[in-house]
Protein backbone atom coordinates (compact mmCIF):
# COMPACT_ATOMS: atom_id res chain seq x y z
CA MET A 1 0.01 0.13 0.23
CA LYS A 2 2.92 2.39 0.93
CA GLN A 3 4.29 1.66 -2.19
CA LEU A 4 1.36 2.56 -4.32
CA PHE A 5 0.76 5.80 -2.51
CA PHE A 6 4.59 6.85 -3.37
CA LEU A 7 4.03 5.80 -7.19
CA LEU A 8 0.63 7.84 -6.93
CA LEU A 9 2.29 11.00 -4.89
CA ILE A 10 5.22 10.45 -8.01
CA PHE A 11 3.09 10.82 -10.82
CA PHE A 12 1.06 13.73 -9.31
CA THR A 13 3.97 15.47 -8.06
CA ILE A 14 5.82 15.14 -12.43
CA SER A 15 2.15 16.10 -13.72
CA ALA A 16 1.86 19.32 -12.05
CA PHE A 17 5.39 20.59 -12.91
CA SER A 18 5.16 19.44 -16.52
CA GLN A 19 4.61 21.75 -19.10
CA THR A 20 2.71 21.88 -22.19
CA ASN A 21 4.81 23.63 -25.06
CA VAL A 22 3.26 25.23 -28.15
CA LEU A 23 6.26 26.27 -30.22
CA ASP A 24 5.36 23.34 -32.53
CA ILE A 25 1.81 23.42 -33.20
CA LYS A 26 1.01 24.07 -36.45
CA ALA A 27 -0.90 26.64 -37.60
CA GLU A 28 -1.33 29.43 -40.79
CA ASN A 29 -0.86 32.83 -41.78
CA ILE A 30 -3.69 34.84 -43.24
CA ASN A 31 -2.13 33.76 -46.63
CA LEU A 32 -2.41 30.15 -45.98
CA GLU A 33 1.72 29.67 -45.55
CA GLU A 34 2.02 26.82 -43.37
CA LEU A 35 4.22 27.31 -39.85
CA THR A 36 4.48 26.84 -36.24
CA LEU A 37 4.21 29.00 -33.46
CA SER A 38 7.34 28.94 -32.79
CA LYS A 39 7.70 31.97 -35.37
CA VAL A 40 5.58 34.22 -33.13
CA PHE A 41 7.96 34.14 -30.06
CA ASP A 42 10.48 36.04 -29.55
CA GLY A 43 12.22 34.93 -26.62
CA GLU A 44 11.62 37.99 -24.81
CA ARG A 45 7.90 38.68 -24.30
CA PHE A 46 4.57 36.59 -22.85
CA VAL A 47 2.38 35.82 -25.96
CA LEU A 48 -1.18 35.90 -25.45
CA LEU A 49 -3.26 33.58 -27.71
CA SER A 50 -6.95 34.57 -28.01
CA VAL A 51 -8.65 31.40 -29.81
CA GLY A 52 -11.99 32.05 -31.30
CA GLY A 53 -13.52 33.19 -34.50
CA THR A 54 -15.16 35.67 -37.04
CA TRP A 55 -18.36 33.37 -35.95
CA CYS A 56 -18.33 33.99 -32.25
CA LYS A 57 -19.77 36.83 -31.36
CA PRO A 58 -18.34 36.88 -27.11
CA CYS A 59 -14.57 36.75 -29.31
CA LEU A 60 -15.56 39.50 -31.62
CA ASP A 61 -16.80 41.61 -28.30
CA GLN A 62 -13.30 41.03 -25.90
CA LYS A 63 -11.58 41.20 -29.13
CA PRO A 64 -10.18 44.80 -28.64
CA PHE A 65 -9.24 44.98 -24.84
CA THR A 66 -7.82 41.88 -26.48
CA ALA A 67 -5.15 43.31 -28.59
CA SER A 68 -5.00 46.01 -26.10
CA LEU A 69 -3.39 44.58 -23.90
CA GLY A 70 -0.55 43.59 -25.60
CA GLN A 71 -0.38 47.43 -26.51
CA GLN A 72 -0.49 48.27 -23.09
CA TYR A 73 2.94 45.47 -22.26
CA PRO A 74 4.24 45.74 -25.58
CA GLN A 75 7.53 44.75 -23.73
CA TYR A 76 6.04 42.13 -21.76
CA LEU A 77 3.46 40.78 -23.75
CA LYS A 78 2.69 40.16 -27.30
CA VAL A 79 -0.86 38.88 -28.51
CA VAL A 80 -1.52 36.56 -31.53
CA PHE A 81 -5.25 35.83 -32.54
CA LEU A 82 -6.14 31.68 -32.93
CA PHE A 83 -9.05 31.41 -35.33
CA PHE A 84 -10.86 28.35 -35.93
CA THR A 85 -13.05 27.26 -38.48
CA ASP A 86 -12.23 30.16 -40.12
CA THR A 87 -11.21 31.19 -43.63
CA PRO A 88 -9.08 34.35 -44.59
CA GLU A 89 -11.58 35.75 -46.37
CA LYS A 90 -13.88 36.35 -43.08
CA ILE A 91 -11.13 37.68 -41.54
CA LYS A 92 -9.98 40.27 -44.11
CA ALA A 93 -13.68 41.53 -44.09
CA ARG A 94 -13.96 42.04 -40.89
CA PHE A 95 -10.48 43.18 -39.67
CA GLY A 96 -8.63 44.64 -42.47
CA ASN A 97 -5.75 44.23 -44.70
CA ASP A 98 -3.05 41.52 -44.13
CA ASN A 99 -0.92 44.37 -43.50
CA ASP A 100 -2.46 44.85 -40.42
CA LEU A 101 -2.99 41.06 -39.81
CA LYS A 102 0.19 39.69 -38.84
CA ASP A 103 -0.34 37.83 -35.72
CA TYR A 104 -3.55 36.45 -36.94
CA LEU A 105 -3.05 32.83 -37.52
CA LEU A 106 -5.53 29.75 -38.53
CA ILE A 107 -5.81 26.69 -36.77
CA LYS A 108 -6.98 23.56 -37.14
CA SER A 109 -8.63 20.57 -34.45
CA ASP A 110 -5.57 19.28 -33.80
CA ALA A 111 -4.31 22.31 -32.13
CA ILE A 112 -7.40 23.35 -30.15
CA GLU A 113 -6.92 19.48 -29.32
CA GLN A 114 -3.49 19.95 -27.85
CA LEU A 115 -4.41 23.28 -26.46
CA SER A 116 -6.74 22.16 -24.33
CA ILE A 117 -9.61 24.42 -25.58
CA LYS A 118 -13.09 23.40 -24.42
CA THR A 119 -14.66 26.97 -24.88
CA TYR A 120 -15.25 30.38 -27.07
CA PRO A 121 -12.99 32.44 -26.66
CA THR A 122 -10.29 31.13 -24.63
CA ASN A 123 -7.17 32.97 -23.74
CA VAL A 124 -3.79 31.35 -23.05
CA LEU A 125 -0.72 32.80 -21.40
CA VAL A 126 2.23 31.44 -22.77
CA ASP A 127 6.03 32.25 -21.48
CA PRO A 128 8.54 33.61 -24.11
CA ASN A 129 9.95 30.04 -24.12
CA GLY A 130 6.50 28.25 -25.63
CA ASN A 131 5.13 26.23 -22.01
CA ILE A 132 1.80 27.27 -21.69
CA VAL A 133 1.84 29.24 -17.74
CA GLU A 134 -2.47 29.23 -17.67
CA ASN A 135 -4.88 28.00 -19.94
CA ASP A 136 -8.07 30.29 -19.86
CA ILE A 137 -6.79 32.63 -17.81
CA SER A 138 -8.75 35.70 -16.91
CA LEU A 139 -8.28 39.07 -19.23
CA ASN A 140 -8.00 40.98 -15.71
CA ASP A 141 -5.13 38.40 -14.26
CA VAL A 142 -2.86 38.82 -17.04
CA GLY A 143 -1.10 42.18 -16.01
CA SER A 144 -0.04 40.98 -12.34
CA LEU A 145 1.47 37.25 -14.41
CA ILE A 146 3.41 38.70 -16.64
CA LYS A 147 5.40 41.50 -14.99
């Protein structure tokens, strides 16, 4: 019984300290060029991944505030919008031309699974090394976690 308890304790300790890294998650830019999320990291700033779609009214409602966090904390935070089941045409029609959309990426269901997305919108805070700090973070908590 003690051995079983000890093994379970080790398992849960390792699980608690393991972090999900997002650098290898595949996406496409607005021109449908394939890339991995590692392309959006500079190794110095946190990245806030805002996951949603043009079809999601709550996602659209929170987008201006989400974008403002990147402007409020430019030395600490980069905001990247990940669109699920969308097209470049829908994104361009909603948000503007190609030059304004460099941090707008398209993702597929495998990325949704890797990020453990259950609802929309979901905001995922990632450290400069690509490790998830918090999944489904409240936007009001971002500032205190990145400084």
